[in-house]
Protein backbone atom coordinates (compact mmCIF):
# COMPACT_ATOMS: atom_id res chain seq x y z
CA UNK A 1 116.06 114.51 123.65
CA UNK A 2 114.57 116.29 126.67
CA UNK A 3 117.24 117.94 128.80
CA UNK A 4 116.89 117.61 132.56
CA UNK A 5 117.32 120.42 135.03
CA UNK A 6 120.88 120.71 136.28
CA UNK A 7 121.58 120.28 140.01
CA UNK A 8 121.91 124.06 140.30
CA UNK A 9 118.53 124.56 138.59
CA UNK A 10 116.89 121.94 140.84
CA UNK A 11 118.31 123.69 143.91
CA UNK A 12 117.02 127.05 142.66
CA UNK A 13 113.58 125.52 141.97
CA UNK A 14 113.38 124.11 145.50
CA UNK A 15 114.41 127.46 147.00
CA UNK A 16 111.72 129.28 144.99
CA UNK A 17 108.98 126.81 145.98
CA UNK A 18 109.94 126.67 149.67
CA UNK A 19 110.32 130.46 150.09
CA UNK A 20 107.08 131.28 148.27
CA UNK A 21 105.06 128.51 149.95
CA UNK A 22 106.28 129.48 153.43
CA UNK A 23 105.57 133.19 152.90
CA UNK A 24 102.16 132.52 151.34
CA UNK A 25 101.03 130.18 154.12
CA UNK A 26 102.27 132.47 156.93
CA UNK A 27 100.55 135.57 155.53
CA UNK A 28 97.50 133.47 154.63
CA UNK A 29 97.17 132.27 158.23
CA UNK A 30 97.57 135.83 159.54
CA UNK A 31 94.67 136.92 157.31
CA UNK A 32 92.55 134.02 158.57
CA UNK A 33 93.23 135.12 162.16
CA UNK A 34 91.97 138.57 161.13
CA UNK A 35 88.76 136.93 159.78
CA UNK A 36 89.80 137.51 156.15
CA UNK A 37 90.26 134.95 153.34
CA UNK A 38 93.74 133.42 153.16
CA UNK A 39 93.97 134.31 149.47
CA UNK A 40 94.57 137.98 150.39
CA UNK A 41 97.66 137.03 152.41
CA UNK A 42 98.87 134.69 149.68
CA UNK A 43 98.72 137.47 147.09
CA UNK A 44 100.49 139.86 149.48
CA UNK A 45 103.24 137.24 149.86
CA UNK A 46 103.84 137.43 146.12
CA UNK A 47 103.80 141.24 146.19
CA UNK A 48 106.28 141.20 149.09
CA UNK A 49 108.67 138.80 147.31
CA UNK A 50 108.11 140.19 143.82
CA UNK A 51 109.35 143.25 141.89
CA UNK A 52 107.02 145.56 143.86
CA UNK A 53 109.00 145.36 147.14
CA UNK A 54 111.77 142.73 147.40
CA UNK A 55 112.86 143.36 143.81
CA UNK A 56 112.84 147.12 144.35
CA UNK A 57 114.88 147.14 147.58
CA UNK A 58 117.13 144.10 146.94
CA UNK A 59 117.39 143.87 143.13
CA UNK A 60 120.54 141.70 143.06
CA UNK A 61 119.16 139.10 145.47
CA UNK A 62 115.80 139.11 143.64
CA UNK A 63 117.61 138.58 140.34
CA UNK A 64 119.67 135.72 141.77
CA UNK A 65 116.71 133.87 143.34
CA UNK A 66 113.92 134.36 140.79
CA UNK A 67 115.44 135.33 137.45
CA UNK A 68 119.00 133.93 137.17
CA UNK A 69 117.72 130.40 136.39
CA UNK A 70 114.86 130.81 133.84
CA UNK A 71 114.17 127.06 133.62
CA UNK A 72 113.80 126.82 137.39
CA UNK A 73 111.20 129.58 137.41
CA UNK A 74 109.49 127.99 134.39
CA UNK A 75 109.19 124.75 136.38
CA UNK A 76 107.69 126.68 139.30
CA UNK A 77 105.29 128.45 136.92
CA UNK A 78 104.21 125.06 135.56
CA UNK A 79 103.50 123.85 139.10
CA UNK A 80 101.50 127.02 139.81
CA UNK A 81 99.44 126.44 136.65
CA UNK A 82 98.61 122.91 137.83
CA UNK A 83 97.40 124.69 140.96
CA UNK A 84 94.88 126.70 138.89
CA UNK A 85 93.52 123.50 137.32
CA UNK A 86 93.09 121.73 140.68
CA UNK A 87 91.71 124.88 142.34
CA UNK A 88 88.94 125.16 139.75
CA UNK A 89 88.29 121.41 140.07
CA UNK A 90 87.56 121.67 143.80
CA UNK A 91 85.60 124.90 143.16
CA UNK A 92 83.26 122.73 141.11
CA UNK A 93 82.56 120.63 144.22
CA UNK A 94 80.80 123.64 145.74
CA UNK A 95 78.17 123.74 142.98
CA UNK A 96 75.27 121.71 144.39
CA UNK A 97 73.02 120.83 141.44
CA UNK A 98 70.28 119.52 143.76
CA UNK A 99 70.16 122.82 145.65
CA UNK A 100 70.10 124.78 142.40
CA UNK A 101 67.10 122.74 141.24
CA UNK A 102 65.38 123.24 144.62
CA UNK A 103 65.87 127.02 144.95
CA UNK A 104 66.57 127.73 141.30
CA UNK A 105 63.58 129.95 140.53
CA UNK A 106 64.02 132.29 143.48
CA UNK A 107 67.82 132.36 143.16
CA UNK A 108 67.73 132.85 139.39
CA UNK A 109 66.43 136.44 139.54
CA UNK A 110 69.10 137.36 142.13
CA UNK A 111 71.86 135.66 140.17
CA UNK A 112 70.90 136.83 136.68
CA UNK A 113 70.25 140.47 137.65
CA UNK A 114 73.41 140.38 139.77
CA UNK A 115 75.27 139.29 136.64
CA UNK A 116 73.56 141.47 134.02
CA UNK A 117 73.94 144.84 135.84
CA UNK A 118 77.73 144.68 136.43
CA UNK A 119 78.30 143.05 133.03
CA UNK A 120 76.48 145.81 131.15
CA UNK A 121 78.03 148.63 133.17
CA UNK A 122 81.52 147.08 132.99
CA UNK A 123 81.16 146.44 129.26
CA UNK A 124 79.96 150.00 128.57
CA UNK A 125 82.73 151.58 130.67
CA UNK A 126 85.55 149.78 128.87
CA UNK A 127 83.93 150.14 125.45
CA UNK A 128 83.57 153.93 125.71
CA UNK A 129 86.78 154.66 127.66
CA UNK A 130 88.92 151.98 125.99
CA UNK A 131 91.42 154.29 124.28
CA UNK A 132 91.97 156.44 127.38
CA UNK A 133 92.23 153.85 130.16
CA UNK A 134 91.76 150.21 129.21
CA UNK A 135 93.56 149.60 125.90
CA UNK A 136 95.89 146.61 125.65
CA UNK A 137 98.32 146.19 122.76
CA UNK A 138 97.17 142.69 121.77
CA UNK A 139 93.45 142.93 122.52
CA UNK A 140 90.52 144.75 120.94
CA UNK A 141 87.76 146.94 122.30
CA UNK A 142 84.97 144.34 122.13
CA UNK A 143 86.85 141.46 123.76
CA UNK A 144 88.35 143.69 126.48
CA UNK A 145 84.87 145.08 127.25
CA UNK A 146 83.36 141.57 127.40
CA UNK A 147 86.11 140.39 129.74
CA UNK A 148 85.78 143.38 132.08
CA UNK A 149 82.02 142.95 132.27
CA UNK A 150 82.45 139.25 133.07
CA UNK A 151 85.16 139.86 135.69
CA UNK A 152 82.90 142.31 137.53
CA UNK A 153 79.94 139.90 137.35
CA UNK A 154 81.27 136.78 139.05
CA UNK A 155 80.65 136.17 142.75
CA UNK A 156 83.17 134.30 144.95
CA UNK A 157 81.31 131.22 146.13
CA UNK A 158 84.02 130.12 148.57
CA UNK A 159 84.32 133.60 150.16
CA UNK A 160 80.55 133.88 150.63
CA UNK A 161 80.40 130.40 152.19
CA UNK A 162 83.12 131.42 154.69
CA UNK A 163 81.34 134.69 155.59
CA UNK A 164 78.02 132.87 156.08
CA UNK A 165 79.77 130.27 158.24
CA UNK A 166 81.32 132.98 160.43
CA UNK A 167 77.89 134.65 160.79
CA UNK A 168 76.18 131.31 161.57
CA UNK A 169 73.92 131.81 158.52
CA UNK A 170 75.10 128.92 156.35
CA UNK A 171 72.00 126.78 157.04
CA UNK A 172 69.51 129.67 157.14
CA UNK A 173 66.98 130.44 154.39
CA UNK A 174 68.87 133.59 153.36
CA UNK A 175 72.21 131.76 153.54
CA UNK A 176 71.01 128.94 151.29
CA UNK A 177 69.53 131.46 148.86
CA UNK A 178 72.81 133.41 148.65
CA UNK A 179 74.79 130.21 148.06
CA UNK A 180 72.40 128.99 145.35
CA UNK A 181 72.44 132.37 143.59
CA UNK A 182 76.25 132.44 143.81
CA UNK A 183 76.46 128.93 142.31
CA UNK A 184 74.36 129.96 139.31
CA UNK A 185 76.32 133.20 138.97
CA UNK A 186 79.66 131.40 139.18
CA UNK A 187 78.60 128.82 136.63
CA UNK A 188 77.34 131.36 134.07
CA UNK A 189 80.40 133.57 134.60
CA UNK A 190 82.85 130.79 133.75
CA UNK A 191 80.89 129.89 130.63
CA UNK A 192 81.06 133.56 129.58
CA UNK A 193 84.81 133.74 130.18
CA UNK A 194 85.45 130.53 128.22
CA UNK A 195 83.52 132.02 125.31
CA UNK A 196 85.65 135.19 125.48
CA UNK A 197 88.88 133.16 125.39
CA UNK A 198 87.52 131.21 122.41
CA UNK A 199 86.63 134.42 120.58
CA UNK A 200 90.10 135.81 121.19
CA UNK A 201 91.75 132.61 119.98
CA UNK A 202 89.73 132.55 116.74
CA UNK A 203 89.94 136.29 116.24
CA UNK A 204 87.20 136.01 113.63
CA UNK A 205 83.57 137.03 113.69
CA UNK A 206 82.51 133.86 111.86
CA UNK A 207 84.13 131.79 114.60
CA UNK A 208 81.89 133.30 117.25
CA UNK A 209 78.95 130.92 116.83
CA UNK A 210 81.29 127.91 116.79
CA UNK A 211 83.05 129.14 119.94
CA UNK A 212 79.82 129.62 121.87
CA UNK A 213 78.43 126.31 120.63
CA UNK A 214 81.60 124.44 121.65
CA UNK A 215 81.49 125.72 125.23
CA UNK A 216 77.76 125.11 125.65
CA UNK A 217 77.91 121.67 124.00
CA UNK A 218 80.75 120.48 126.24
CA UNK A 219 78.96 121.79 129.33
CA UNK A 220 75.70 120.12 128.34
CA UNK A 221 77.28 116.77 127.50
CA UNK A 222 79.44 116.58 130.65
CA UNK A 223 76.60 117.55 132.99
CA UNK A 224 74.18 115.00 131.48
CA UNK A 225 75.70 111.90 129.87
CA UNK A 226 79.16 112.71 131.25
CA UNK A 227 77.87 113.10 134.80
CA UNK A 228 76.12 109.73 134.59
CA UNK A 229 79.29 108.11 133.21
CA UNK A 230 81.51 109.70 135.89
CA UNK A 231 79.11 108.44 138.57
CA UNK A 232 79.30 104.89 137.18
CA UNK A 233 83.11 104.99 137.00
CA UNK A 234 83.35 106.18 140.60
CA UNK A 235 80.77 103.59 141.73
CA UNK A 236 82.77 100.71 140.23
CA UNK A 237 86.09 102.10 141.52
CA UNK A 238 84.71 102.53 145.06
CA UNK A 239 84.04 98.77 145.27
CA UNK A 240 87.61 97.74 144.50
CA UNK A 241 89.99 100.56 145.38
CA UNK A 242 91.23 102.47 148.43
CA UNK A 243 90.66 106.14 149.28
CA UNK A 244 94.05 107.06 147.78
CA UNK A 245 93.19 105.48 144.44
CA UNK A 246 89.76 107.18 144.42
CA UNK A 247 91.39 110.59 144.89
CA UNK A 248 93.93 109.81 142.16
CA UNK A 249 91.09 108.77 139.84
CA UNK A 250 89.25 112.03 140.51
CA UNK A 251 92.38 114.08 139.73
CA UNK A 252 92.91 112.07 136.52
CA UNK A 253 89.32 112.78 135.46
CA UNK A 254 89.97 116.47 136.17
CA UNK A 255 93.14 116.51 134.05
CA UNK A 256 91.43 114.54 131.26
CA UNK A 257 88.63 117.11 131.11
CA UNK A 258 91.19 119.94 131.12
CA UNK A 259 93.06 118.28 128.23
CA UNK A 260 89.82 117.84 126.25
CA UNK A 261 88.78 121.47 126.65
CA UNK A 262 92.27 122.70 125.73
CA UNK A 263 92.08 120.48 122.63
CA UNK A 264 88.70 122.03 121.77
CA UNK A 265 90.22 125.50 122.11
CA UNK A 266 88.64 126.27 125.50
CA UNK A 267 90.87 126.91 128.54
CA UNK A 268 91.66 123.81 130.60
CA UNK A 269 90.44 125.45 133.81
CA UNK A 270 86.88 125.42 132.44
CA UNK A 271 87.06 121.68 131.80
CA UNK A 272 88.41 121.17 135.32
CA UNK A 273 85.58 123.25 136.81
CA UNK A 274 82.82 121.36 134.94
CA UNK A 275 84.39 118.01 135.88
CA UNK A 276 84.47 119.21 139.49
CA UNK A 277 80.71 119.79 139.31
CA UNK A 278 80.19 116.26 137.92
CA UNK A 279 82.49 114.51 140.43
CA UNK A 280 81.17 116.55 143.37
CA UNK A 281 77.61 115.54 142.46
CA UNK A 282 78.42 111.82 142.74
CA UNK A 283 77.61 110.08 146.04
CA UNK A 284 80.60 107.81 145.39
CA UNK A 285 83.01 110.72 145.90
CA UNK A 286 81.69 111.84 149.31
CA UNK A 287 82.53 114.85 151.49
CA UNK A 288 85.34 112.94 153.23
CA UNK A 289 87.26 112.42 149.97
CA UNK A 290 86.49 115.93 148.77
CA UNK A 291 87.94 117.37 151.98
CA UNK A 292 91.21 115.42 151.64
CA UNK A 293 91.74 116.79 148.13
CA UNK A 294 90.49 120.22 149.19
CA UNK A 295 93.01 120.46 152.05
CA UNK A 296 95.93 119.51 149.79
CA UNK A 297 95.00 122.00 147.07
CA UNK A 298 94.10 124.90 149.38
CA UNK A 299 97.14 124.53 151.65
CA UNK A 300 99.88 123.44 149.24
CA UNK A 301 99.14 124.00 145.54
CA UNK A 302 96.80 127.02 145.36
CA UNK A 303 99.02 129.32 147.51
CA UNK A 304 101.81 128.89 144.94
CA UNK A 305 99.51 130.17 142.20
CA UNK A 306 98.20 133.17 144.14
CA UNK A 307 101.70 134.14 145.31
CA UNK A 308 102.98 133.82 141.73
CA UNK A 309 100.57 136.63 140.75
CA UNK A 310 102.55 139.08 142.89
CA UNK A 311 105.79 137.86 141.33
CA UNK A 312 104.58 138.58 137.80
CA UNK A 313 103.38 142.16 138.26
CA UNK A 314 104.89 145.28 139.80
CA UNK A 315 101.88 146.47 141.81
CA UNK A 316 103.44 149.80 142.81
CA UNK A 317 104.48 150.78 139.27
CA UNK A 318 101.06 149.77 137.89
CA UNK A 319 98.92 151.33 140.65
CA UNK A 320 96.61 153.63 138.62
CA UNK A 321 94.23 155.28 141.09
CA UNK A 322 91.80 156.38 138.34
CA UNK A 323 91.32 152.85 136.97
CA UNK A 324 91.12 151.42 140.50
CA UNK A 325 88.40 153.87 141.63
CA UNK A 326 86.35 153.28 138.46
CA UNK A 327 86.67 149.50 138.81
CA UNK A 328 85.77 149.38 142.52
CA UNK A 329 82.85 151.79 142.12
CA UNK A 330 81.31 150.12 139.07
CA UNK A 331 81.79 146.60 140.42
CA UNK A 332 80.24 147.37 143.82
CA UNK A 333 77.36 149.65 142.78
CA UNK A 334 76.22 147.49 139.85
CA UNK A 335 76.45 144.21 141.77
CA UNK A 336 74.66 145.53 144.86
CA UNK A 337 71.87 147.19 142.85
CA UNK A 338 71.37 144.19 140.54
CA UNK A 339 71.36 141.56 143.30
CA UNK A 340 69.24 143.80 145.55
CA UNK A 341 66.57 144.25 142.88
CA UNK A 342 66.65 140.49 142.29
CA UNK A 343 66.05 139.94 146.00
CA UNK A 344 63.04 142.26 146.01
CA UNK A 345 61.59 140.54 142.94
CA UNK A 346 62.00 137.22 144.80
CA UNK A 347 59.73 138.53 147.56
CA UNK A 348 62.38 139.33 150.19
CA UNK A 349 62.27 142.31 152.53
CA UNK A 350 64.48 145.37 151.96
CA UNK A 351 66.97 144.30 154.64
CA UNK A 352 67.07 140.69 153.41
CA UNK A 353 67.67 141.95 149.86
CA UNK A 354 70.55 144.11 151.12
CA UNK A 355 72.08 141.13 152.97
CA UNK A 356 72.00 139.15 149.72
CA UNK A 357 73.27 142.12 147.67
CA UNK A 358 76.39 142.66 149.81
CA UNK A 359 76.96 138.89 150.00
CA UNK A 360 76.83 138.59 146.22
CA UNK A 361 79.21 141.56 145.96
CA UNK A 362 82.02 139.56 147.61
CA UNK A 363 84.70 138.59 145.10
CA UNK A 364 87.61 136.17 145.53
CA UNK A 365 89.86 133.64 143.85
CA UNK A 366 87.69 133.34 140.73
CA UNK A 367 88.21 136.99 139.76
CA UNK A 368 91.93 136.68 140.42
CA UNK A 369 92.20 133.55 138.26
CA UNK A 370 90.20 135.29 135.53
CA UNK A 371 92.43 138.36 135.71
CA UNK A 372 95.64 136.31 135.64
CA UNK A 373 94.49 134.37 132.58
CA UNK A 374 93.35 137.55 130.83
CA UNK A 375 96.74 139.14 131.58
CA UNK A 376 98.52 136.11 130.09
CA UNK A 377 96.25 136.29 127.03
CA UNK A 378 96.99 140.06 126.67
CA UNK A 379 93.28 140.93 126.98
CA UNK A 380 94.15 143.41 129.76
CA UNK A 381 97.32 145.14 130.91
CA UNK A 382 98.99 145.21 134.34
CA UNK A 383 97.16 148.36 135.50
CA UNK A 384 93.72 146.82 134.93
CA UNK A 385 94.88 143.59 136.58
CA UNK A 386 96.03 145.49 139.70
CA UNK A 387 92.66 147.28 139.76
CA UNK A 388 90.86 143.90 139.73
CA UNK A 389 92.97 142.69 142.66
CA UNK A 390 92.20 145.84 144.68
CA UNK A 391 88.48 145.54 143.80
CA UNK A 392 88.49 141.93 145.03
CA UNK A 393 90.09 142.86 148.37
CA UNK A 394 87.77 145.85 148.95
CA UNK A 395 84.64 143.78 148.19
CA UNK A 396 85.72 141.10 150.68
CA UNK A 397 86.44 143.67 153.41
CA UNK A 398 83.02 145.36 153.15
CA UNK A 399 80.86 142.22 152.65
CA UNK A 400 80.85 140.84 156.21
CA UNK A 401 80.26 144.12 158.13
CA UNK A 402 77.52 145.23 155.70
CA UNK A 403 75.72 141.86 155.93
CA UNK A 404 75.90 141.96 159.75
CA UNK A 405 74.50 145.50 159.80
CA UNK A 406 71.43 144.62 157.70
CA UNK A 407 70.94 141.31 159.54
CA UNK A 408 70.82 143.13 162.90
CA UNK A 409 68.50 145.74 161.37
CA UNK A 410 66.15 143.01 160.11
CA UNK A 411 66.10 141.30 163.53
CA UNK A 412 65.43 144.64 165.29
CA UNK A 413 62.57 145.53 162.93
CA UNK A 414 60.97 142.10 163.38
CA UNK A 415 61.14 142.44 167.18
CA UNK A 416 59.61 145.92 166.93
CA UNK A 417 56.77 144.56 164.79
CA UNK A 418 55.93 141.67 167.18
CA UNK A 419 54.18 143.78 169.92
CA UNK A 420 52.15 145.58 167.23
CA UNK A 421 50.99 142.25 165.81
CA UNK A 422 50.09 141.08 169.33
CA UNK A 423 48.04 144.27 169.96
CA UNK A 424 46.17 143.90 166.67
CA UNK A 425 45.42 140.24 167.45
CA UNK A 426 44.15 141.09 170.95
CA UNK A 427 41.94 143.89 169.59
CA UNK A 428 40.43 141.60 166.99
CA UNK A 429 39.68 139.01 169.71
CA UNK A 430 37.84 141.61 171.85
CA UNK A 431 35.79 142.81 168.88
CA UNK A 432 34.91 139.22 168.03
CA UNK A 433 33.96 138.64 171.68
């Protein structure tokens, strides 16, 4: 028989949720006013309420609120984990398959080089310095190196979209190219991470091919036959049901996909993400419905997850400056160089390539979700996780100003070139005359 929470445990659960949600939303809104992603404030809310600060200065109160009722906190943790599933589902909405097909060739070089450079450098760093800096008791050198390379490779699609919107570049040629490259990068990164989790779960070399095949097969089936089937289901439902039922149906499809991938040995968040791509691609689940679900997840559910990160880890005790500097340096240099070279190969100018490079360097919620899952799976320890959080924040802070600098430089150089072009044209006309 399943035992229910006692009235005291229910009260404690409600206190935890209300305190964390209020703190996360307040600090999130402050960050938005400062032109920064809300996720930074939501993480700081967890750090403020967690063992790093509140637990250090008021240990008895911290113990009473967050630790005295383990089942209450477990219920909150379950709710936060639902938040991860729904967050990755709506992240899938941002992957526009039509745009990828349209700009795929040009964006592919930017995306792939922007993924390969940080992956290789991140992998090599952990592999060769594993024993000194990156070892985790329940992981091994190869898996930890693969994870670190993947974590440094992924670009934050939602953060880039917000920066481009603020710069009025969202509909520009460069803006569309950055978004398309980020979509491809995001997509490949999540496939890589799912493979890593599979490899860790099997723990056997012979299971590697099966693990990779399982992830790729599920992705292929859901984005072909599955996407067609999802579209038909949504088409039929749209004829008979209200908006509320349509949103419920979409969430059920998300959870079903998460259950299937968990059953196959792949993390449920990957199934939610791929289903988000399929649902978001259907014209029967339009922008209006996506926004309703998006607002609920971003404002209510996701903040609980990001704040819970700060509650789990003591950021002050695990602040290792050496690991942080290595992580920030490798992540930024490799991503900027890789994406910049990709831009030049695509035929863009030096300034345009730099705009794309710094845009692709912006990290966000995806890296944090990856890090949290890797921490739970014991692939990394708390010090590496804290370094990933710091790297994410630094990359966000430098992305916007750097992109604006190179955009202004590109505009100035084009204006400077215009009179020269006019002079050459006039001279040619006189010679012809």
